[in-house]
Amino acid sequence: MEPLLMLPGPLYKNLSMECNGKIIDISEDSQGNIDGTGGSMWDGAAVLSSFLKKNPHIVDHKHVLEVGSGVGLVSIVAKYLGATRVVASDQIEVVDNLVHNLSKNLQGYEVC
């Protein structure tokens, strides 16, 4: 049986993506300070973000909860696509980098 989706190469080191005319710039934990997986950009987040960009009605005027947000890409995309409210969450050791990415990309929105 063939896999449904295969993406080549390793996880992204840095990612920039356009969404609704805005450039999203994601920073990873390049120093290895975050144990586990939360400091890296995962292929699944890029695939889900691309899917949402093609189907913005899924998040437009909705409340979105992203559990295990990691670097925050999906949360940022959801907000740019019209989500009324986005809650991004992850483990405590991931939160500093998550807040950094949210604050950098969502200037003018409340990030706490």
N, C-alpha and C. Protein backbone atom coordinates (compact mmCIF):
# COMPACT_ATOMS: atom_id res chain seq x y z
N MET A 1 0.83 -1.18 0.00
CA MET A 1 0.00 0.00 0.00
C MET A 1 0.88 1.25 0.00
N GLU A 2 0.61 2.18 -0.89
CA GLU A 2 1.39 3.42 -0.96
C GLU A 2 0.87 4.43 0.05
N PRO A 3 1.79 5.24 0.60
CA PRO A 3 1.34 6.29 1.54
C PRO A 3 0.46 7.32 0.83
N LEU A 4 -0.46 7.92 1.60
CA LEU A 4 -1.34 8.94 1.04
C LEU A 4 -0.59 10.21 0.67
N LEU A 5 0.44 10.54 1.46
CA LEU A 5 1.15 11.78 1.22
C LEU A 5 2.59 11.60 1.68
N MET A 6 3.52 11.95 0.83
CA MET A 6 4.93 11.93 1.21
C MET A 6 5.53 13.28 0.88
N LEU A 7 6.24 13.84 1.83
CA LEU A 7 6.93 15.11 1.61
C LEU A 7 8.42 14.84 1.67
N PRO A 8 9.18 15.33 0.71
CA PRO A 8 10.62 15.04 0.67
C PRO A 8 11.38 15.85 1.72
N GLY A 9 12.51 15.30 2.11
CA GLY A 9 13.47 16.05 2.91
C GLY A 9 13.14 16.13 4.38
N PRO A 10 14.03 16.76 5.12
CA PRO A 10 13.88 16.89 6.57
C PRO A 10 12.86 17.97 6.93
N LEU A 11 12.63 18.10 8.21
CA LEU A 11 11.77 19.18 8.69
C LEU A 11 12.36 20.52 8.28
N TYR A 12 11.51 21.50 8.14
CA TYR A 12 11.95 22.83 7.75
C TYR A 12 12.86 23.43 8.82
N LYS A 13 13.85 24.19 8.41
CA LYS A 13 14.71 24.93 9.35
C LYS A 13 14.10 26.30 9.62
N ASN A 14 13.62 26.95 8.61
CA ASN A 14 12.90 28.22 8.73
C ASN A 14 11.85 28.21 7.64
N LEU A 15 10.79 28.91 7.87
CA LEU A 15 9.71 28.89 6.90
C LEU A 15 9.13 30.27 6.74
N SER A 16 8.95 30.66 5.51
CA SER A 16 8.18 31.85 5.19
C SER A 16 7.06 31.40 4.27
N MET A 17 5.88 31.90 4.52
CA MET A 17 4.71 31.51 3.74
C MET A 17 3.83 32.73 3.55
N GLU A 18 3.23 32.86 2.38
CA GLU A 18 2.30 33.95 2.12
C GLU A 18 0.90 33.49 2.45
N CYS A 19 0.13 34.39 3.08
CA CYS A 19 -1.26 34.08 3.39
C CYS A 19 -2.05 35.38 3.36
N ASN A 20 -3.01 35.46 2.48
CA ASN A 20 -3.85 36.66 2.34
C ASN A 20 -3.03 37.94 2.19
N GLY A 21 -1.97 37.86 1.40
CA GLY A 21 -1.15 39.03 1.12
C GLY A 21 -0.15 39.37 2.22
N LYS A 22 -0.05 38.55 3.24
CA LYS A 22 0.89 38.79 4.33
C LYS A 22 1.92 37.67 4.35
N ILE A 23 3.15 38.02 4.70
CA ILE A 23 4.21 37.03 4.80
C ILE A 23 4.30 36.56 6.25
N ILE A 24 4.23 35.25 6.43
CA ILE A 24 4.39 34.65 7.75
C ILE A 24 5.83 34.20 7.84
N ASP A 25 6.51 34.61 8.90
CA ASP A 25 7.91 34.25 9.13
C ASP A 25 7.98 33.47 10.43
N ILE A 26 8.36 32.20 10.34
CA ILE A 26 8.41 31.31 11.49
C ILE A 26 9.85 31.09 11.93
N SER A 27 10.10 31.21 13.24
CA SER A 27 11.41 30.90 13.81
C SER A 27 11.34 29.57 14.55
N GLU A 28 12.33 28.74 14.31
CA GLU A 28 12.45 27.49 15.04
C GLU A 28 13.45 27.65 16.18
N ASP A 29 13.46 26.70 17.07
CA ASP A 29 14.45 26.65 18.14
C ASP A 29 15.71 26.03 17.56
N SER A 30 16.59 26.86 17.01
CA SER A 30 17.79 26.35 16.35
C SER A 30 18.89 25.99 17.34
N GLN A 31 18.73 26.36 18.61
CA GLN A 31 19.74 26.07 19.63
C GLN A 31 19.49 24.73 20.33
N GLY A 32 18.38 24.09 20.04
CA GLY A 32 18.07 22.81 20.69
C GLY A 32 17.65 22.97 22.14
N ASN A 33 17.12 24.14 22.48
CA ASN A 33 16.70 24.39 23.86
C ASN A 33 15.38 23.74 24.21
N ILE A 34 14.60 23.41 23.21
CA ILE A 34 13.29 22.81 23.45
C ILE A 34 13.41 21.30 23.28
N ASP A 35 13.13 20.57 24.36
CA ASP A 35 13.12 19.11 24.29
C ASP A 35 11.91 18.65 23.49
N GLY A 36 12.05 17.59 22.76
CA GLY A 36 10.92 17.04 22.04
C GLY A 36 10.74 17.67 20.69
N THR A 37 9.50 17.84 20.31
CA THR A 37 9.17 18.20 18.94
C THR A 37 8.64 19.62 18.75
N GLY A 38 8.31 20.32 19.81
CA GLY A 38 7.61 21.60 19.72
C GLY A 38 8.40 22.74 19.13
N GLY A 39 9.71 22.62 19.06
CA GLY A 39 10.51 23.72 18.53
C GLY A 39 10.78 23.65 17.05
N SER A 40 10.22 22.63 16.39
CA SER A 40 10.49 22.42 14.96
C SER A 40 9.22 22.61 14.14
N MET A 41 9.42 23.06 12.92
CA MET A 41 8.32 23.19 11.96
C MET A 41 8.07 21.82 11.37
N TRP A 42 6.87 21.31 11.52
CA TRP A 42 6.53 19.97 11.04
C TRP A 42 5.82 20.04 9.70
N ASP A 43 6.05 19.03 8.88
CA ASP A 43 5.40 18.96 7.56
C ASP A 43 3.88 19.03 7.69
N GLY A 44 3.34 18.39 8.71
CA GLY A 44 1.88 18.37 8.90
C GLY A 44 1.31 19.77 9.07
N ALA A 45 2.03 20.65 9.75
CA ALA A 45 1.56 22.03 9.92
C ALA A 45 1.55 22.77 8.59
N ALA A 46 2.55 22.53 7.77
CA ALA A 46 2.60 23.16 6.45
C ALA A 46 1.48 22.64 5.56
N VAL A 47 1.22 21.34 5.60
CA VAL A 47 0.15 20.74 4.79
C VAL A 47 -1.21 21.26 5.25
N LEU A 48 -1.45 21.28 6.57
CA LEU A 48 -2.73 21.78 7.08
C LEU A 48 -2.90 23.26 6.75
N SER A 49 -1.85 24.05 6.87
CA SER A 49 -1.92 25.47 6.54
C SER A 49 -2.27 25.68 5.07
N SER A 50 -1.65 24.91 4.19
CA SER A 50 -1.96 24.99 2.76
C SER A 50 -3.41 24.59 2.49
N PHE A 51 -3.87 23.56 3.17
CA PHE A 51 -5.26 23.12 3.03
C PHE A 51 -6.23 24.23 3.46
N LEU A 52 -5.93 24.86 4.61
CA LEU A 52 -6.80 25.94 5.09
C LEU A 52 -6.80 27.12 4.13
N LYS A 53 -5.66 27.43 3.54
CA LYS A 53 -5.60 28.53 2.57
C LYS A 53 -6.52 28.25 1.37
N LYS A 54 -6.66 26.99 0.99
CA LYS A 54 -7.55 26.62 -0.12
C LYS A 54 -9.00 26.51 0.33
N ASN A 55 -9.23 26.41 1.63
CA ASN A 55 -10.57 26.23 2.19
C ASN A 55 -10.78 27.15 3.39
N PRO A 56 -10.67 28.47 3.18
CA PRO A 56 -10.72 29.40 4.30
C PRO A 56 -12.04 29.39 5.07
N HIS A 57 -13.11 28.92 4.44
CA HIS A 57 -14.41 28.87 5.12
C HIS A 57 -14.38 28.00 6.38
N ILE A 58 -13.40 27.11 6.46
CA ILE A 58 -13.29 26.22 7.62
C ILE A 58 -13.01 27.03 8.89
N VAL A 59 -12.24 28.11 8.78
CA VAL A 59 -11.88 28.90 9.96
C VAL A 59 -12.48 30.31 9.98
N ASP A 60 -12.97 30.78 8.84
CA ASP A 60 -13.50 32.14 8.77
C ASP A 60 -14.68 32.33 9.73
N HIS A 61 -14.60 33.36 10.57
CA HIS A 61 -15.62 33.69 11.57
C HIS A 61 -15.84 32.56 12.57
N LYS A 62 -14.80 31.78 12.84
CA LYS A 62 -14.89 30.68 13.80
C LYS A 62 -13.90 30.89 14.94
N HIS A 63 -14.13 30.21 16.04
CA HIS A 63 -13.17 30.14 17.13
C HIS A 63 -12.32 28.90 16.88
N VAL A 64 -11.00 29.05 16.94
CA VAL A 64 -10.07 27.96 16.62
C VAL A 64 -9.21 27.67 17.84
N LEU A 65 -9.09 26.40 18.19
CA LEU A 65 -8.19 25.94 19.24
C LEU A 65 -7.17 25.02 18.60
N GLU A 66 -5.90 25.40 18.71
CA GLU A 66 -4.82 24.54 18.21
C GLU A 66 -4.09 23.96 19.42
N VAL A 67 -4.21 22.67 19.61
CA VAL A 67 -3.54 21.98 20.71
C VAL A 67 -2.22 21.43 20.16
N GLY A 68 -1.13 21.69 20.87
CA GLY A 68 0.18 21.28 20.36
C GLY A 68 0.61 22.17 19.22
N SER A 69 0.55 23.48 19.43
CA SER A 69 0.79 24.46 18.37
C SER A 69 2.22 24.51 17.88
N GLY A 70 3.17 24.09 18.70
CA GLY A 70 4.57 24.12 18.28
C GLY A 70 5.02 25.53 17.96
N VAL A 71 5.41 25.76 16.71
CA VAL A 71 5.89 27.08 16.29
C VAL A 71 4.76 28.03 15.92
N GLY A 72 3.52 27.55 15.88
CA GLY A 72 2.35 28.41 15.72
C GLY A 72 1.86 28.69 14.32
N LEU A 73 2.38 28.01 13.32
CA LEU A 73 2.02 28.32 11.93
C LEU A 73 0.52 28.21 11.69
N VAL A 74 -0.11 27.12 12.10
CA VAL A 74 -1.53 26.90 11.81
C VAL A 74 -2.38 27.97 12.50
N SER A 75 -2.02 28.35 13.70
CA SER A 75 -2.76 29.40 14.41
C SER A 75 -2.67 30.74 13.68
N ILE A 76 -1.49 31.06 13.20
CA ILE A 76 -1.29 32.32 12.47
C ILE A 76 -2.10 32.31 11.18
N VAL A 77 -2.05 31.21 10.44
CA VAL A 77 -2.81 31.09 9.20
C VAL A 77 -4.31 31.23 9.48
N ALA A 78 -4.79 30.57 10.52
CA ALA A 78 -6.21 30.64 10.87
C ALA A 78 -6.63 32.08 11.13
N LYS A 79 -5.81 32.84 11.85
CA LYS A 79 -6.15 34.24 12.14
C LYS A 79 -6.15 35.07 10.86
N TYR A 80 -5.16 34.88 10.00
CA TYR A 80 -5.10 35.61 8.74
C TYR A 80 -6.28 35.27 7.83
N LEU A 81 -6.84 34.08 7.98
CA LEU A 81 -7.96 33.66 7.14
C LEU A 81 -9.32 34.03 7.73
N GLY A 82 -9.30 34.79 8.83
CA GLY A 82 -10.56 35.33 9.33
C GLY A 82 -11.12 34.70 10.58
N ALA A 83 -10.35 33.85 11.25
CA ALA A 83 -10.84 33.29 12.51
C ALA A 83 -11.11 34.42 13.49
N THR A 84 -12.24 34.34 14.18
CA THR A 84 -12.62 35.36 15.14
C THR A 84 -11.69 35.36 16.34
N ARG A 85 -11.38 34.18 16.82
CA ARG A 85 -10.49 34.02 17.98
C ARG A 85 -9.68 32.76 17.77
N VAL A 86 -8.39 32.84 18.10
CA VAL A 86 -7.50 31.68 17.99
C VAL A 86 -6.81 31.49 19.34
N VAL A 87 -6.85 30.27 19.84
CA VAL A 87 -6.12 29.91 21.06
C VAL A 87 -5.08 28.88 20.65
N ALA A 88 -3.81 29.23 20.86
CA ALA A 88 -2.70 28.33 20.56
C ALA A 88 -2.13 27.83 21.88
N SER A 89 -1.89 26.55 21.99
CA SER A 89 -1.39 26.00 23.24
C SER A 89 -0.31 24.96 22.99
N ASP A 90 0.56 24.80 23.98
CA ASP A 90 1.59 23.76 23.91
C ASP A 90 2.21 23.61 25.29
N GLN A 91 3.19 22.74 25.40
CA GLN A 91 3.89 22.52 26.66
C GLN A 91 4.68 23.77 27.06
N ILE A 92 4.92 23.91 28.34
CA ILE A 92 5.55 25.12 28.88
C ILE A 92 6.90 25.43 28.23
N GLU A 93 7.70 24.42 27.90
CA GLU A 93 9.02 24.69 27.32
C GLU A 93 8.94 25.19 25.87
N VAL A 94 7.77 25.09 25.26
CA VAL A 94 7.58 25.53 23.88
C VAL A 94 7.01 26.95 23.81
N VAL A 95 6.38 27.39 24.89
CA VAL A 95 5.57 28.61 24.87
C VAL A 95 6.37 29.86 24.50
N ASP A 96 7.60 30.02 24.98
CA ASP A 96 8.37 31.22 24.66
C ASP A 96 8.54 31.39 23.15
N ASN A 97 8.92 30.33 22.45
CA ASN A 97 9.10 30.42 21.00
C ASN A 97 7.75 30.59 20.30
N LEU A 98 6.72 29.93 20.81
CA LEU A 98 5.38 30.09 20.25
C LEU A 98 4.92 31.54 20.35
N VAL A 99 5.05 32.14 21.52
CA VAL A 99 4.65 33.54 21.72
C VAL A 99 5.49 34.46 20.83
N HIS A 100 6.79 34.15 20.69
CA HIS A 100 7.65 34.95 19.81
C HIS A 100 7.10 34.95 18.38
N ASN A 101 6.76 33.77 17.85
CA ASN A 101 6.25 33.67 16.48
C ASN A 101 4.89 34.34 16.34
N LEU A 102 4.03 34.16 17.33
CA LEU A 102 2.71 34.79 17.27
C LEU A 102 2.84 36.31 17.31
N SER A 103 3.66 36.81 18.22
CA SER A 103 3.84 38.26 18.36
C SER A 103 4.44 38.88 17.10
N LYS A 104 5.42 38.19 16.52
CA LYS A 104 6.09 38.69 15.31
C LYS A 104 5.12 38.75 14.12
N ASN A 105 4.25 37.79 14.02
CA ASN A 105 3.38 37.69 12.85
C ASN A 105 1.99 38.28 13.04
N LEU A 106 1.58 38.47 14.27
CA LEU A 106 0.23 38.97 14.53
C LEU A 106 0.27 40.32 15.23
N GLN A 107 1.11 41.19 14.75
CA GLN A 107 1.19 42.54 15.33
C GLN A 107 -0.17 43.22 15.18
N GLY A 108 -0.60 43.85 16.26
CA GLY A 108 -1.90 44.49 16.28
C GLY A 108 -2.99 43.61 16.86
N TYR A 109 -2.65 42.35 17.15
CA TYR A 109 -3.58 41.44 17.81
C TYR A 109 -3.05 41.17 19.22
N GLU A 110 -3.95 40.81 20.11
CA GLU A 110 -3.55 40.48 21.47
C GLU A 110 -2.90 39.10 21.49
N VAL A 111 -1.69 39.03 22.00
CA VAL A 111 -0.98 37.77 22.17
C VAL A 111 -0.58 37.68 23.63
N CYS A 112 -1.06 36.64 24.30
CA CYS A 112 -0.70 36.49 25.72
C CYS A 112 -0.48 35.03 26.05
